[in-house]
Amino acid sequence: MDGISSVDAAPGAAQVAMLRKVLDAGSQNMANLLEALPQPVPPTARPGEYLA
């Protein structure tokens, strides 16, 4: 192998591209999951209690 492949010339570039694709898909899946979950009830303080 006399030539330098593009992956060797930029080590990690392929991994970065793959990771970016996975993260984009993961963020979309996470958004879908959050939409499907029931919304939490907003916290309300009872008399004499402080909200953290």
N, C-alpha and C. Protein backbone atom coordinates (compact mmCIF):
# COMPACT_ATOMS: atom_id res chain seq x y z
N MET A 1 0.84 -1.19 0.00
CA MET A 1 0.00 0.00 0.00
C MET A 1 0.88 1.24 0.00
N ASP A 2 1.03 1.81 -1.16
CA ASP A 2 1.86 3.01 -1.25
C ASP A 2 1.06 4.27 -0.96
N GLY A 3 -0.20 4.27 -1.40
CA GLY A 3 -1.02 5.47 -1.22
C GLY A 3 -1.62 5.54 0.17
N ILE A 4 -1.97 6.73 0.54
CA ILE A 4 -2.64 6.95 1.83
C ILE A 4 -4.13 7.08 1.56
N SER A 5 -4.91 6.23 2.20
CA SER A 5 -6.35 6.32 1.98
C SER A 5 -6.90 7.56 2.67
N SER A 6 -8.09 7.96 2.28
CA SER A 6 -8.67 9.17 2.87
C SER A 6 -8.94 8.98 4.36
N VAL A 7 -9.22 7.74 4.75
CA VAL A 7 -9.46 7.48 6.17
C VAL A 7 -8.17 7.63 6.96
N ASP A 8 -7.04 7.15 6.38
CA ASP A 8 -5.75 7.29 7.05
C ASP A 8 -5.30 8.75 7.09
N ALA A 9 -5.61 9.50 6.04
CA ALA A 9 -5.19 10.90 5.98
C ALA A 9 -5.91 11.72 7.04
N ALA A 10 -7.13 11.36 7.35
CA ALA A 10 -7.91 12.07 8.37
C ALA A 10 -8.40 11.04 9.38
N PRO A 11 -7.52 10.65 10.31
CA PRO A 11 -7.93 9.62 11.27
C PRO A 11 -9.12 10.09 12.10
N GLY A 12 -10.09 9.22 12.21
CA GLY A 12 -11.26 9.57 13.00
C GLY A 12 -12.37 10.21 12.19
N ALA A 13 -12.11 10.59 10.95
CA ALA A 13 -13.14 11.27 10.16
C ALA A 13 -14.33 10.35 9.91
N ALA A 14 -14.05 9.08 9.59
CA ALA A 14 -15.14 8.14 9.34
C ALA A 14 -15.92 7.89 10.62
N GLN A 15 -15.20 7.79 11.74
CA GLN A 15 -15.88 7.56 13.01
C GLN A 15 -16.74 8.76 13.37
N VAL A 16 -16.23 9.97 13.12
CA VAL A 16 -17.00 11.17 13.42
C VAL A 16 -18.27 11.21 12.58
N ALA A 17 -18.14 10.87 11.29
CA ALA A 17 -19.30 10.88 10.41
C ALA A 17 -20.33 9.85 10.87
N MET A 18 -19.86 8.66 11.25
CA MET A 18 -20.78 7.62 11.71
C MET A 18 -21.44 8.03 13.02
N LEU A 19 -20.64 8.59 13.93
CA LEU A 19 -21.19 9.00 15.22
C LEU A 19 -22.22 10.10 15.04
N ARG A 20 -21.94 11.02 14.12
CA ARG A 20 -22.89 12.11 13.88
C ARG A 20 -24.22 11.55 13.36
N LYS A 21 -24.13 10.55 12.46
CA LYS A 21 -25.35 9.94 11.92
C LYS A 21 -26.14 9.25 13.03
N VAL A 22 -25.43 8.53 13.90
CA VAL A 22 -26.09 7.82 14.99
C VAL A 22 -26.73 8.81 15.95
N LEU A 23 -26.01 9.89 16.26
CA LEU A 23 -26.55 10.87 17.20
C LEU A 23 -27.76 11.58 16.61
N ASP A 24 -27.73 11.88 15.31
CA ASP A 24 -28.89 12.51 14.69
C ASP A 24 -30.10 11.59 14.76
N ALA A 25 -29.89 10.31 14.47
CA ALA A 25 -30.99 9.35 14.56
C ALA A 25 -31.45 9.21 16.00
N GLY A 26 -30.50 9.19 16.93
CA GLY A 26 -30.85 9.04 18.33
C GLY A 26 -31.63 10.22 18.86
N SER A 27 -31.25 11.44 18.43
CA SER A 27 -31.97 12.61 18.92
C SER A 27 -33.39 12.62 18.37
N GLN A 28 -33.58 12.15 17.14
CA GLN A 28 -34.92 12.07 16.58
C GLN A 28 -35.74 11.03 17.33
N ASN A 29 -35.12 9.88 17.63
CA ASN A 29 -35.83 8.85 18.39
C ASN A 29 -36.17 9.35 19.78
N MET A 30 -35.27 10.10 20.40
CA MET A 30 -35.52 10.63 21.74
C MET A 30 -36.68 11.62 21.70
N ALA A 31 -36.74 12.45 20.66
CA ALA A 31 -37.84 13.40 20.54
C ALA A 31 -39.17 12.65 20.40
N ASN A 32 -39.17 11.58 19.61
CA ASN A 32 -40.39 10.78 19.46
C ASN A 32 -40.78 10.15 20.79
N LEU A 33 -39.79 9.68 21.53
CA LEU A 33 -40.07 9.04 22.82
C LEU A 33 -40.64 10.06 23.80
N LEU A 34 -40.06 11.25 23.83
CA LEU A 34 -40.55 12.27 24.76
C LEU A 34 -41.97 12.70 24.42
N GLU A 35 -42.30 12.74 23.12
CA GLU A 35 -43.67 13.09 22.73
C GLU A 35 -44.65 12.01 23.16
N ALA A 36 -44.22 10.77 23.17
CA ALA A 36 -45.12 9.66 23.50
C ALA A 36 -45.36 9.55 25.00
N LEU A 37 -44.39 10.04 25.80
CA LEU A 37 -44.55 9.92 27.25
C LEU A 37 -45.56 10.93 27.77
N PRO A 38 -46.27 10.58 28.83
CA PRO A 38 -47.19 11.56 29.42
C PRO A 38 -46.42 12.72 30.02
N GLN A 39 -46.99 13.90 29.92
CA GLN A 39 -46.31 15.08 30.45
C GLN A 39 -46.40 15.07 31.97
N PRO A 40 -45.31 15.40 32.65
CA PRO A 40 -45.35 15.42 34.11
C PRO A 40 -46.22 16.56 34.62
N VAL A 41 -46.81 16.34 35.76
CA VAL A 41 -47.64 17.37 36.39
C VAL A 41 -46.70 18.45 36.91
N PRO A 42 -47.01 19.72 36.64
CA PRO A 42 -46.12 20.77 37.16
C PRO A 42 -46.11 20.76 38.68
N PRO A 43 -44.95 21.00 39.28
CA PRO A 43 -44.87 20.95 40.74
C PRO A 43 -45.66 22.08 41.38
N THR A 44 -46.40 21.75 42.41
CA THR A 44 -47.13 22.77 43.15
C THR A 44 -46.75 22.63 44.61
N ALA A 45 -46.56 23.75 45.26
CA ALA A 45 -46.18 23.72 46.66
C ALA A 45 -47.43 23.74 47.53
N ARG A 46 -47.42 22.88 48.51
CA ARG A 46 -48.49 22.94 49.49
C ARG A 46 -48.17 24.06 50.47
N PRO A 47 -49.15 24.53 51.20
CA PRO A 47 -48.88 25.61 52.16
C PRO A 47 -47.77 25.20 53.13
N GLY A 48 -46.81 26.09 53.31
CA GLY A 48 -45.71 25.82 54.21
C GLY A 48 -44.56 25.06 53.58
N GLU A 49 -44.66 24.73 52.27
CA GLU A 49 -43.59 24.01 51.58
C GLU A 49 -42.90 24.93 50.59
N TYR A 50 -41.64 24.70 50.40
CA TYR A 50 -40.89 25.42 49.37
C TYR A 50 -40.60 24.46 48.22
N LEU A 51 -40.66 24.99 47.01
CA LEU A 51 -40.26 24.19 45.85
C LEU A 51 -38.75 24.27 45.72
N ALA A 52 -38.14 23.14 45.44
CA ALA A 52 -36.68 23.12 45.30
C ALA A 52 -36.29 23.75 43.98
